[in-house]
């Protein structure tokens, strides 16, 4: 899938994969890829700036996690992030319904096409 297809939806994707609980950056990238059945492959150069921006705006918080010798930053949703995710889902449903009605119009009884 083209990278342009994700533009404008990246925040929602990141918030959605963090909904179940905290993850570090690489796990976030992997979760998006897994949940999209491999259709979406996000680059670290795209994801990390977005995570930092979402944290600055209060939708995420982060903390350092140590696993053995390795330290990784883990990100999790804030309450504001959960509200933003709910709004993102509502907007996505309206968007896909509108686009779907144009690209794949269903016949409506009593209405001329």
Protein backbone atom coordinates (compact mmCIF):
# COMPACT_ATOMS: atom_id res chain seq x y z
CA UNK A 1 0.00 0.00 0.00
CA UNK A 2 1.27 3.47 -0.82
CA UNK A 3 2.66 5.58 2.01
CA UNK A 4 0.34 8.39 0.91
CA UNK A 5 -2.63 6.23 1.86
CA UNK A 6 -1.64 6.53 5.53
CA UNK A 7 -1.17 10.30 5.44
CA UNK A 8 -3.75 11.96 7.63
CA UNK A 9 -4.50 8.72 9.46
CA UNK A 10 -1.18 8.05 11.16
CA UNK A 11 -2.23 9.49 14.52
CA UNK A 12 -5.33 7.30 14.61
CA UNK A 13 -3.32 4.20 13.70
CA UNK A 14 -0.78 4.85 16.44
CA UNK A 15 -3.44 5.59 19.05
CA UNK A 16 -5.37 2.45 18.07
CA UNK A 17 -2.45 0.08 18.48
CA UNK A 18 -1.67 1.62 21.87
CA UNK A 19 -5.24 1.20 23.11
CA UNK A 20 -4.66 -2.26 24.66
CA UNK A 21 -1.59 -1.06 26.59
CA UNK A 22 1.91 0.43 26.49
CA UNK A 23 4.33 -0.51 23.71
CA UNK A 24 7.78 0.58 22.64
CA UNK A 25 8.36 2.06 19.18
CA UNK A 26 9.34 -1.07 17.30
CA UNK A 27 6.40 -2.98 18.82
CA UNK A 28 4.08 -0.20 17.63
CA UNK A 29 5.41 -0.52 14.08
CA UNK A 30 5.04 -4.30 14.26
CA UNK A 31 1.49 -4.04 15.64
CA UNK A 32 0.39 -1.79 12.76
CA UNK A 33 1.92 -4.19 10.26
CA UNK A 34 0.36 -7.24 11.93
CA UNK A 35 -3.09 -5.67 12.33
CA UNK A 36 -3.07 -4.59 8.67
CA UNK A 37 -2.03 -8.09 7.54
CA UNK A 38 1.20 -6.63 6.22
CA UNK A 39 -0.45 -3.95 4.09
CA UNK A 40 0.94 -1.09 6.17
CA UNK A 41 4.67 -0.82 6.75
CA UNK A 42 5.54 2.28 8.70
CA UNK A 43 9.07 3.63 8.78
CA UNK A 44 10.79 4.62 12.01
CA UNK A 45 11.45 8.05 10.50
CA UNK A 46 7.68 8.51 10.30
CA UNK A 47 6.62 6.85 13.54
CA UNK A 48 9.00 8.36 16.10
CA UNK A 49 8.37 12.01 15.19
CA UNK A 50 4.62 11.28 15.31
CA UNK A 51 4.94 9.63 18.74
CA UNK A 52 6.91 12.63 20.02
CA UNK A 53 4.27 15.02 18.64
CA UNK A 54 1.43 13.01 20.19
CA UNK A 55 3.25 13.08 23.51
CA UNK A 56 3.80 16.86 23.29
CA UNK A 57 0.08 17.36 22.64
CA UNK A 58 -0.85 15.23 25.66
CA UNK A 59 -2.36 12.27 23.82
CA UNK A 60 0.46 9.92 24.86
CA UNK A 61 2.86 9.64 27.76
CA UNK A 62 6.11 7.76 27.75
CA UNK A 63 8.45 6.18 30.24
CA UNK A 64 11.74 4.36 30.04
CA UNK A 65 11.68 0.58 30.35
CA UNK A 66 14.78 -1.52 30.90
CA UNK A 67 15.02 -5.06 29.60
CA UNK A 68 18.40 -6.41 30.54
CA UNK A 69 20.98 -3.94 29.25
CA UNK A 70 18.56 -2.36 26.80
CA UNK A 71 16.51 0.75 27.59
CA UNK A 72 13.47 1.51 25.49
CA UNK A 73 10.85 4.20 25.64
CA UNK A 74 7.34 2.86 26.11
CA UNK A 75 4.33 4.85 25.01
CA UNK A 76 0.79 4.69 26.34
CA UNK A 77 -2.48 6.52 25.83
CA UNK A 78 -3.56 9.26 28.18
CA UNK A 79 -7.24 9.91 28.89
CA UNK A 80 -7.07 12.66 26.26
CA UNK A 81 -5.56 10.10 23.87
CA UNK A 82 -8.49 7.74 24.44
CA UNK A 83 -10.94 10.55 23.70
CA UNK A 84 -8.99 11.49 20.57
CA UNK A 85 -9.06 7.85 19.44
CA UNK A 86 -12.85 7.74 19.87
CA UNK A 87 -13.15 10.94 17.80
CA UNK A 88 -10.78 9.52 15.18
CA UNK A 89 -12.92 6.37 14.87
CA UNK A 90 -16.10 8.41 14.45
CA UNK A 91 -14.46 10.57 11.78
CA UNK A 92 -13.07 7.47 10.02
CA UNK A 93 -16.51 5.83 9.91
CA UNK A 94 -18.06 8.95 8.40
CA UNK A 95 -15.21 9.26 5.89
CA UNK A 96 -15.34 5.63 4.76
CA UNK A 97 -19.13 5.76 4.46
CA UNK A 98 -18.94 8.87 2.26
CA UNK A 99 -16.14 7.50 0.06
CA UNK A 100 -17.84 4.10 -0.12
CA UNK A 101 -21.10 5.65 -1.28
CA UNK A 102 -19.24 7.24 -4.18
CA UNK A 103 -16.90 4.41 -5.15
CA UNK A 104 -19.36 1.56 -4.64
CA UNK A 105 -22.86 2.98 -4.79
CA UNK A 106 -25.59 0.63 -3.70
CA UNK A 107 -28.94 0.82 -5.45
CA UNK A 108 -31.51 2.62 -3.33
CA UNK A 109 -35.20 1.72 -3.82
CA UNK A 110 -37.22 4.61 -5.17
CA UNK A 111 -34.19 6.68 -6.15
CA UNK A 112 -32.86 7.09 -9.63
CA UNK A 113 -29.09 6.51 -9.95
